[in-house]
């Protein structure tokens, strides 16, 4: 059975020190294997594991500068990968 998509989105104005603390919490959570986000409207818990894909973007316009960070990974379903033997030969 396929699980429905869950998402979380939050947008607000914050000072640089608060954003730094949020980013530190995210990196700490990645290191521990569990990151949770919540606000008054919603909550989501993610469990990063294995290799993570990182996409970093930066842009600068006259009056607007922007940094984008996207981290993603594949979640393995239990029993989805069966161990198979592999052999190779040059004959």
PDB file of N, CA and C in Angstrom:
ATOM      1  N   UNK A   1       0.843  -1.179   0.000  1.00  0.00           N
ATOM      2  CA  UNK A   1       0.000   0.000   0.000  1.00  0.00           C
ATOM      3  C   UNK A   1       0.887   1.241   0.000  1.00  0.00           C
ATOM      4  N   UNK A   2       0.586   2.179  -0.838  1.00  0.00           N
ATOM      5  CA  UNK A   2       1.381   3.385  -0.956  1.00  0.00           C
ATOM      6  C   UNK A   2       0.931   4.424   0.074  1.00  0.00           C
ATOM      7  N   UNK A   3       1.902   5.010   0.740  1.00  0.00           N
ATOM      8  CA  UNK A   3       1.595   6.017   1.757  1.00  0.00           C
ATOM      9  C   UNK A   3       1.363   7.366   1.075  1.00  0.00           C
ATOM     10  N   UNK A   4       0.396   8.107   1.548  1.00  0.00           N
ATOM     11  CA  UNK A   4       0.116   9.410   0.954  1.00  0.00           C
ATOM     12  C   UNK A   4       1.229  10.403   1.287  1.00  0.00           C
ATOM     13  N   UNK A   5       1.360  11.397   0.452  1.00  0.00           N
ATOM     14  CA  UNK A   5       2.406  12.403   0.629  1.00  0.00           C
ATOM     15  C   UNK A   5       2.079  13.294   1.826  1.00  0.00           C
ATOM     16  N   UNK A   6       3.069  13.522   2.643  1.00  0.00           N
ATOM     17  CA  UNK A   6       2.950  14.451   3.757  1.00  0.00           C
ATOM     18  C   UNK A   6       3.936  15.570   3.509  1.00  0.00           C
ATOM     19  N   UNK A   7       3.543  16.780   3.776  1.00  0.00           N
ATOM     20  CA  UNK A   7       4.462  17.895   3.566  1.00  0.00           C
ATOM     21  C   UNK A   7       4.284  18.934   4.673  1.00  0.00           C
ATOM     22  N   UNK A   8       5.292  19.757   4.808  1.00  0.00           N
ATOM     23  CA  UNK A   8       5.307  20.826   5.801  1.00  0.00           C
ATOM     24  C   UNK A   8       5.891  22.047   5.120  1.00  0.00           C
ATOM     25  N   UNK A   9       5.291  23.185   5.330  1.00  0.00           N
ATOM     26  CA  UNK A   9       5.806  24.430   4.759  1.00  0.00           C
ATOM     27  C   UNK A   9       5.615  25.531   5.791  1.00  0.00           C
ATOM     28  N   UNK A  10       6.667  26.320   5.958  1.00  0.00           N
ATOM     29  CA  UNK A  10       6.613  27.450   6.891  1.00  0.00           C
ATOM     30  C   UNK A  10       7.394  28.601   6.263  1.00  0.00           C
ATOM     31  N   UNK A  11       6.849  29.771   6.336  1.00  0.00           N
ATOM     32  CA  UNK A  11       7.541  30.959   5.840  1.00  0.00           C
ATOM     33  C   UNK A  11       7.335  32.088   6.838  1.00  0.00           C
ATOM     34  N   UNK A  12       8.427  32.743   7.226  1.00  0.00           N
ATOM     35  CA  UNK A  12       8.335  33.852   8.176  1.00  0.00           C
ATOM     36  C   UNK A  12       9.607  34.680   8.103  1.00  0.00           C
ATOM     37  N   UNK A  13       9.551  35.868   8.661  1.00  0.00           N
ATOM     38  CA  UNK A  13      10.737  36.718   8.768  1.00  0.00           C
ATOM     39  C   UNK A  13      11.438  36.393  10.080  1.00  0.00           C
ATOM     40  N   UNK A  14      12.739  36.152  10.023  1.00  0.00           N
ATOM     41  CA  UNK A  14      13.535  35.828  11.201  1.00  0.00           C
ATOM     42  C   UNK A  14      14.850  36.596  11.122  1.00  0.00           C
ATOM     43  N   UNK A  15      15.478  36.839  12.258  1.00  0.00           N
ATOM     44  CA  UNK A  15      16.803  37.459  12.235  1.00  0.00           C
ATOM     45  C   UNK A  15      17.861  36.387  11.958  1.00  0.00           C
ATOM     46  N   UNK A  16      19.053  36.825  11.608  1.00  0.00           N
ATOM     47  CA  UNK A  16      20.132  35.902  11.220  1.00  0.00           C
ATOM     48  C   UNK A  16      20.476  34.915  12.336  1.00  0.00           C
ATOM     49  N   UNK A  17      20.456  35.355  13.576  1.00  0.00           N
ATOM     50  CA  UNK A  17      20.805  34.472  14.702  1.00  0.00           C
ATOM     51  C   UNK A  17      19.778  33.345  14.863  1.00  0.00           C
ATOM     52  N   UNK A  18      18.500  33.652  14.682  1.00  0.00           N
ATOM     53  CA  UNK A  18      17.454  32.634  14.770  1.00  0.00           C
ATOM     54  C   UNK A  18      17.582  31.624  13.639  1.00  0.00           C
ATOM     55  N   UNK A  19      17.869  32.113  12.435  1.00  0.00           N
ATOM     56  CA  UNK A  19      18.051  31.212  11.295  1.00  0.00           C
ATOM     57  C   UNK A  19      19.263  30.323  11.520  1.00  0.00           C
ATOM     58  N   UNK A  20      20.332  30.872  12.073  1.00  0.00           N
ATOM     59  CA  UNK A  20      21.511  30.071  12.391  1.00  0.00           C
ATOM     60  C   UNK A  20      21.156  28.956  13.367  1.00  0.00           C
ATOM     61  N   UNK A  21      20.375  29.257  14.387  1.00  0.00           N
ATOM     62  CA  UNK A  21      19.971  28.247  15.362  1.00  0.00           C
ATOM     63  C   UNK A  21      19.104  27.167  14.710  1.00  0.00           C
ATOM     64  N   UNK A  22      18.219  27.557  13.807  1.00  0.00           N
ATOM     65  CA  UNK A  22      17.389  26.586  13.094  1.00  0.00           C
ATOM     66  C   UNK A  22      18.241  25.672  12.219  1.00  0.00           C
ATOM     67  N   UNK A  23      19.198  26.245  11.500  1.00  0.00           N
ATOM     68  CA  UNK A  23      20.083  25.445  10.653  1.00  0.00           C
ATOM     69  C   UNK A  23      20.942  24.496  11.490  1.00  0.00           C
ATOM     70  N   UNK A  24      21.399  24.948  12.652  1.00  0.00           N
ATOM     71  CA  UNK A  24      22.164  24.075  13.544  1.00  0.00           C
ATOM     72  C   UNK A  24      21.293  22.919  14.043  1.00  0.00           C
ATOM     73  N   UNK A  25      20.022  23.186  14.323  1.00  0.00           N
ATOM     74  CA  UNK A  25      19.112  22.123  14.759  1.00  0.00           C
ATOM     75  C   UNK A  25      18.902  21.110  13.634  1.00  0.00           C
ATOM     76  N   UNK A  26      18.807  21.590  12.402  1.00  0.00           N
ATOM     77  CA  UNK A  26      18.642  20.682  11.256  1.00  0.00           C
ATOM     78  C   UNK A  26      19.888  19.818  11.089  1.00  0.00           C
ATOM     79  N   UNK A  27      21.068  20.408  11.133  1.00  0.00           N
ATOM     80  CA  UNK A  27      22.293  19.621  10.962  1.00  0.00           C
ATOM     81  C   UNK A  27      22.489  18.640  12.114  1.00  0.00           C
ATOM     82  N   UNK A  28      22.129  19.036  13.315  1.00  0.00           N
ATOM     83  CA  UNK A  28      22.201  18.126  14.456  1.00  0.00           C
ATOM     84  C   UNK A  28      21.228  16.959  14.266  1.00  0.00           C
ATOM     85  N   UNK A  29      20.036  17.265  13.796  1.00  0.00           N
ATOM     86  CA  UNK A  29      19.046  16.228  13.542  1.00  0.00           C
ATOM     87  C   UNK A  29      19.488  15.264  12.452  1.00  0.00           C
ATOM     88  N   UNK A  30      20.107  15.777  11.399  1.00  0.00           N
ATOM     89  CA  UNK A  30      20.619  14.907  10.333  1.00  0.00           C
ATOM     90  C   UNK A  30      21.674  13.970  10.909  1.00  0.00           C
ATOM     91  N   UNK A  31      22.560  14.503  11.737  1.00  0.00           N
ATOM     92  CA  UNK A  31      23.596  13.674  12.354  1.00  0.00           C
ATOM     93  C   UNK A  31      22.997  12.585  13.244  1.00  0.00           C
ATOM     94  N   UNK A  32      21.887  12.891  13.910  1.00  0.00           N
ATOM     95  CA  UNK A  32      21.245  11.931  14.809  1.00  0.00           C
ATOM     96  C   UNK A  32      20.244  11.029  14.094  1.00  0.00           C
ATOM     97  N   UNK A  33      19.919  11.356  12.832  1.00  0.00           N
ATOM     98  CA  UNK A  33      18.989  10.522  12.074  1.00  0.00           C
ATOM     99  C   UNK A  33      17.524  10.842  12.281  1.00  0.00           C
ATOM    100  N   UNK A  34      17.217  12.002  12.833  1.00  0.00           N
ATOM    101  CA  UNK A  34      15.821  12.389  13.031  1.00  0.00           C
ATOM    102  C   UNK A  34      15.709  13.913  13.049  1.00  0.00           C
ATOM    103  N   UNK A  35      14.892  14.441  12.138  1.00  0.00           N
ATOM    104  CA  UNK A  35      14.668  15.877  12.057  1.00  0.00           C
ATOM    105  C   UNK A  35      13.158  16.117  12.120  1.00  0.00           C
ATOM    106  N   UNK A  36      12.730  16.993  13.007  1.00  0.00           N
ATOM    107  CA  UNK A  36      11.306  17.306  13.078  1.00  0.00           C
ATOM    108  C   UNK A  36      11.087  18.809  12.913  1.00  0.00           C
ATOM    109  N   UNK A  37       9.998  19.134  12.235  1.00  0.00           N
ATOM    110  CA  UNK A  37       9.613  20.528  12.009  1.00  0.00           C
ATOM    111  C   UNK A  37       8.176  20.691  12.489  1.00  0.00           C
ATOM    112  N   UNK A  38       7.877  21.805  13.133  1.00  0.00           N
ATOM    113  CA  UNK A  38       6.505  22.065  13.560  1.00  0.00           C
ATOM    114  C   UNK A  38       6.273  23.558  13.703  1.00  0.00           C
ATOM    115  N   UNK A  39       5.022  23.935  13.530  1.00  0.00           N
ATOM    116  CA  UNK A  39       4.558  25.277  13.846  1.00  0.00           C
ATOM    117  C   UNK A  39       3.125  25.147  14.348  1.00  0.00           C
ATOM    118  N   UNK A  40       2.383  26.231  14.395  1.00  0.00           N
ATOM    119  CA  UNK A  40       1.021  26.178  14.928  1.00  0.00           C
ATOM    120  C   UNK A  40       0.102  25.311  14.080  1.00  0.00           C
ATOM    121  N   UNK A  41       0.431  25.144  12.798  1.00  0.00           N
ATOM    122  CA  UNK A  41      -0.469  24.478  11.863  1.00  0.00           C
ATOM    123  C   UNK A  41      -0.146  23.014  11.581  1.00  0.00           C
ATOM    124  N   UNK A  42       1.122  22.629  11.657  1.00  0.00           N
ATOM    125  CA  UNK A  42       1.479  21.283  11.216  1.00  0.00           C
ATOM    126  C   UNK A  42       2.774  20.810  11.870  1.00  0.00           C
ATOM    127  N   UNK A  43       3.042  19.515  11.685  1.00  0.00           N
ATOM    128  CA  UNK A  43       4.282  18.900  12.172  1.00  0.00           C
ATOM    129  C   UNK A  43       4.656  17.761  11.232  1.00  0.00           C
ATOM    130  N   UNK A  44       5.980  17.576  11.049  1.00  0.00           N
ATOM    131  CA  UNK A  44       6.473  16.449  10.262  1.00  0.00           C
ATOM    132  C   UNK A  44       7.786  15.977  10.875  1.00  0.00           C
ATOM    133  N   UNK A  45       7.992  14.666  10.862  1.00  0.00           N
ATOM    134  CA  UNK A  45       9.230  14.070  11.357  1.00  0.00           C
ATOM    135  C   UNK A  45       9.850  13.291  10.210  1.00  0.00           C
ATOM    136  N   UNK A  46      11.116  13.555   9.929  1.00  0.00           N
ATOM    137  CA  UNK A  46      11.858  12.886   8.863  1.00  0.00           C
ATOM    138  C   UNK A  46      13.042  12.155   9.464  1.00  0.00           C
ATOM    139  N   UNK A  47      13.400  11.030   8.852  1.00  0.00           N
ATOM    140  CA  UNK A  47      14.510  10.229   9.352  1.00  0.00           C
ATOM    141  C   UNK A  47      15.538   9.999   8.239  1.00  0.00           C
ATOM    142  N   UNK A  48      16.458  10.956   8.079  1.00  0.00           N
ATOM    143  CA  UNK A  48      17.478  10.809   7.040  1.00  0.00           C
ATOM    144  C   UNK A  48      18.428   9.653   7.348  1.00  0.00           C
ATOM    145  N   UNK A  49      18.735   8.870   6.318  1.00  0.00           N
ATOM    146  CA  UNK A  49      19.595   7.710   6.495  1.00  0.00           C
ATOM    147  C   UNK A  49      20.321   7.434   5.184  1.00  0.00           C
ATOM    148  N   UNK A  50      21.545   6.971   5.279  1.00  0.00           N
ATOM    149  CA  UNK A  50      22.300   6.622   4.081  1.00  0.00           C
ATOM    150  C   UNK A  50      22.827   7.859   3.370  1.00  0.00           C
ATOM    151  N   UNK A  51      22.982   7.732   2.064  1.00  0.00           N
ATOM    152  CA  UNK A  51      23.480   8.847   1.267  1.00  0.00           C
ATOM    153  C   UNK A  51      22.375   9.869   1.042  1.00  0.00           C
ATOM    154  N   UNK A  52      22.706  11.136   1.213  1.00  0.00           N
ATOM    155  CA  UNK A  52      21.754  12.226   1.030  1.00  0.00           C
ATOM    156  C   UNK A  52      22.163  13.046  -0.185  1.00  0.00           C
ATOM    157  N   UNK A  53      21.179  13.479  -0.946  1.00  0.00           N
ATOM    158  CA  UNK A  53      21.429  14.338  -2.095  1.00  0.00           C
ATOM    159  C   UNK A  53      21.327  15.791  -1.637  1.00  0.00           C
ATOM    160  N   UNK A  54      22.342  16.593  -1.935  1.00  0.00           N
ATOM    161  CA  UNK A  54      22.374  17.999  -1.543  1.00  0.00           C
ATOM    162  C   UNK A  54      22.333  18.871  -2.782  1.00  0.00           C
ATOM    163  N   UNK A  55      21.426  19.834  -2.799  1.00  0.00           N
ATOM    164  CA  UNK A  55      21.354  20.819  -3.880  1.00  0.00           C
ATOM    165  C   UNK A  55      21.449  22.190  -3.230  1.00  0.00           C
ATOM    166  N   UNK A  56      22.452  22.951  -3.612  1.00  0.00           N
ATOM    167  CA  UNK A  56      22.678  24.277  -3.051  1.00  0.00           C
ATOM    168  C   UNK A  56      22.630  25.294  -4.172  1.00  0.00           C
ATOM    169  N   UNK A  57      21.839  26.336  -4.000  1.00  0.00           N
ATOM    170  CA  UNK A  57      21.766  27.406  -4.990  1.00  0.00           C
ATOM    171  C   UNK A  57      21.963  28.743  -4.286  1.00  0.00           C
ATOM    172  N   UNK A  58      22.505  29.686  -5.011  1.00  0.00           N
ATOM    173  CA  UNK A  58      22.671  31.042  -4.496  1.00  0.00           C
ATOM    174  C   UNK A  58      22.495  32.014  -5.654  1.00  0.00           C
ATOM    175  N   UNK A  59      21.836  33.135  -5.381  1.00  0.00           N
ATOM    176  CA  UNK A  59      21.656  34.151  -6.421  1.00  0.00           C
ATOM    177  C   UNK A  59      21.684  35.530  -5.778  1.00  0.00           C
ATOM    178  N   UNK A  60      22.058  36.491  -6.603  1.00  0.00           N
ATOM    179  CA  UNK A  60      22.123  37.872  -6.125  1.00  0.00           C
ATOM    180  C   UNK A  60      21.548  38.783  -7.197  1.00  0.00           C
ATOM    181  N   UNK A  61      20.504  39.489  -6.843  1.00  0.00           N
ATOM    182  CA  UNK A  61      19.946  40.516  -7.693  1.00  0.00           C
ATOM    183  C   UNK A  61      20.165  41.848  -6.987  1.00  0.00           C
ATOM    184  N   UNK A  62      19.787  42.914  -7.604  1.00  0.00           N
ATOM    185  CA  UNK A  62      20.042  44.236  -7.046  1.00  0.00           C
ATOM    186  C   UNK A  62      19.558  44.376  -5.609  1.00  0.00           C
ATOM    187  N   UNK A  63      18.307  44.037  -5.356  1.00  0.00           N
ATOM    188  CA  UNK A  63      17.754  44.234  -4.018  1.00  0.00           C
ATOM    189  C   UNK A  63      17.363  42.937  -3.312  1.00  0.00           C
ATOM    190  N   UNK A  64      17.650  41.784  -3.923  1.00  0.00           N
ATOM    191  CA  UNK A  64      17.254  40.520  -3.297  1.00  0.00           C
ATOM    192  C   UNK A  64      18.360  39.483  -3.479  1.00  0.00           C
ATOM    193  N   UNK A  65      18.853  38.975  -2.377  1.00  0.00           N
ATOM    194  CA  UNK A  65      19.844  37.897  -2.388  1.00  0.00           C
ATOM    195  C   UNK A  65      19.158  36.657  -1.830  1.00  0.00           C
ATOM    196  N   UNK A  66      19.552  35.484  -2.324  1.00  0.00           N
ATOM    197  CA  UNK A  66      18.844  34.272  -1.928  1.00  0.00           C
ATOM    198  C   UNK A  66      19.789  33.082  -1.855  1.00  0.00           C
ATOM    199  N   UNK A  67      19.582  32.244  -0.850  1.00  0.00           N
ATOM    200  CA  UNK A  67      20.278  30.960  -0.708  1.00  0.00           C
ATOM    201  C   UNK A  67      19.207  29.885  -0.624  1.00  0.00           C
ATOM    202  N   UNK A  68      19.380  28.822  -1.384  1.00  0.00           N
ATOM    203  CA  UNK A  68      18.444  27.702  -1.337  1.00  0.00           C
ATOM    204  C   UNK A  68      19.193  26.424  -0.995  1.00  0.00           C
ATOM    205  N   UNK A  69      18.682  25.673  -0.056  1.00  0.00           N
ATOM    206  CA  UNK A  69      19.291  24.403   0.347  1.00  0.00           C
ATOM    207  C   UNK A  69      18.214  23.330   0.256  1.00  0.00           C
ATOM    208  N   UNK A  70      18.499  22.275  -0.500  1.00  0.00           N
ATOM    209  CA  UNK A  70      17.559  21.165  -0.621  1.00  0.00           C
ATOM    210  C   UNK A  70      18.309  19.872  -0.329  1.00  0.00           C
ATOM    211  N   UNK A  71      17.788  19.092   0.591  1.00  0.00           N
ATOM    212  CA  UNK A  71      18.385  17.817   0.974  1.00  0.00           C
ATOM    213  C   UNK A  71      17.322  16.750   0.775  1.00  0.00           C
ATOM    214  N   UNK A  72      17.673  15.685   0.057  1.00  0.00           N
ATOM    215  CA  UNK A  72      16.705  14.614  -0.179  1.00  0.00           C
ATOM    216  C   UNK A  72      17.399  13.265  -0.091  1.00  0.00           C
ATOM    217  N   UNK A  73      16.588  12.220   0.099  1.00  0.00           N
ATOM    218  CA  UNK A  73      17.111  10.858   0.171  1.00  0.00           C
ATOM    219  C   UNK A  73      15.983   9.889  -0.143  1.00  0.00           C
ATOM    220  N   UNK A  74      16.366   8.698  -0.516  1.00  0.00           N
ATOM    221  CA  UNK A  74      15.410   7.641  -0.785  1.00  0.00           C
ATOM    222  C   UNK A  74      15.204   6.828   0.484  1.00  0.00           C
ATOM    223  N   UNK A  75      13.970   6.468   0.749  1.00  0.00           N
ATOM    224  CA  UNK A  75      13.647   5.639   1.898  1.00  0.00           C
ATOM    225  C   UNK A  75      13.416   4.227   1.400  1.00  0.00           C
ATOM    226  N   UNK A  76      14.179   3.310   1.941  1.00  0.00           N
ATOM    227  CA  UNK A  76      14.043   1.905   1.560  1.00  0.00           C
ATOM    228  C   UNK A  76      12.900   1.272   2.315  1.00  0.00           C
ATOM    229  N   UNK A  77      12.039   0.582   1.587  1.00  0.00           N
ATOM    230  CA  UNK A  77      10.975  -0.178   2.235  1.00  0.00           C
ATOM    231  C   UNK A  77      11.586  -1.451   2.785  1.00  0.00           C
ATOM    232  N   UNK A  78      11.077  -1.908   3.899  1.00  0.00           N
ATOM    233  CA  UNK A  78      11.581  -3.142   4.495  1.00  0.00           C
ATOM    234  C   UNK A  78      11.351  -4.286   3.534  1.00  0.00           C
ATOM    235  N   UNK A  79      12.402  -5.057   3.314  1.00  0.00           N
ATOM    236  CA  UNK A  79      12.304  -6.221   2.448  1.00  0.00           C
ATOM    237  C   UNK A  79      12.288  -5.894   0.969  1.00  0.00           C
ATOM    238  N   UNK A  80      12.496  -4.633   0.598  1.00  0.00           N
ATOM    239  CA  UNK A  80      12.432  -4.284  -0.820  1.00  0.00           C
ATOM    240  C   UNK A  80      13.685  -4.710  -1.587  1.00  0.00           C
ATOM    241  N   UNK A  81      14.799  -4.744  -0.913  1.00  0.00           N
ATOM    242  CA  UNK A  81      16.031  -5.173  -1.568  1.00  0.00           C
ATOM    243  C   UNK A  81      16.408  -6.545  -1.051  1.00  0.00           C
ATOM    244  N   UNK A  82      16.424  -7.501  -1.943  1.00  0.00           N
ATOM    245  CA  UNK A  82      16.831  -8.831  -1.563  1.00  0.00           C
ATOM    246  C   UNK A  82      18.297  -8.993  -1.919  1.00  0.00           C
ATOM    247  N   UNK A  83      19.039  -9.592  -1.020  1.00  0.00           N
ATOM    248  CA  UNK A  83      20.450  -9.845  -1.287  1.00  0.00           C
ATOM    249  C   UNK A  83      20.563 -10.968  -2.304  1.00  0.00           C
ATOM    250  N   UNK A  84      21.242 -10.673  -3.398  1.00  0.00           N
ATOM    251  CA  UNK A  84      21.467 -11.670  -4.439  1.00  0.00           C
ATOM    252  C   UNK A  84      22.957 -11.841  -4.603  1.00  0.00           C
ATOM    253  N   UNK A  85      23.358 -13.044  -4.886  1.00  0.00           N
ATOM    254  CA  UNK A  85      24.781 -13.266  -5.091  1.00  0.00           C
ATOM    255  C   UNK A  85      25.176 -12.746  -6.476  1.00  0.00           C
ATOM    256  N   UNK A  86      26.400 -12.279  -6.570  1.00  0.00           N
ATOM    257  CA  UNK A  86      26.928 -11.751  -7.820  1.00  0.00           C
ATOM    258  C   UNK A  86      28.234 -12.423  -8.105  1.00  0.00           C
ATOM    259  N   UNK A  87      28.423 -12.811  -9.332  1.00  0.00           N
ATOM    260  CA  UNK A  87      29.721 -13.362  -9.727  1.00  0.00           C
ATOM    261  C   UNK A  87      30.139 -12.722 -11.029  1.00  0.00           C
ATOM    262  N   UNK A  88      31.441 -12.649 -11.234  1.00  0.00           N
ATOM    263  CA  UNK A  88      31.989 -12.084 -12.458  1.00  0.00           C
ATOM    264  C   UNK A  88      33.087 -13.017 -12.962  1.00  0.00           C
ATOM    265  N   UNK A  89      33.235 -13.070 -14.273  1.00  0.00           N
ATOM    266  CA  UNK A  89      34.241 -13.952 -14.862  1.00  0.00           C
ATOM    267  C   UNK A  89      34.781 -13.314 -16.119  1.00  0.00           C
ATOM    268  N   UNK A  90      36.041 -13.554 -16.394  1.00  0.00           N
ATOM    269  CA  UNK A  90      36.649 -13.063 -17.620  1.00  0.00           C
ATOM    270  C   UNK A  90      36.760 -14.147 -18.681  1.00  0.00           C
ATOM    271  N   UNK A  91      36.201 -15.290 -18.455  1.00  0.00           N
ATOM    272  CA  UNK A  91      36.272 -16.429 -19.392  1.00  0.00           C
ATOM    273  C   UNK A  91      35.282 -16.278 -20.513  1.00  0.00           C
TER     274      UNK A  91
END
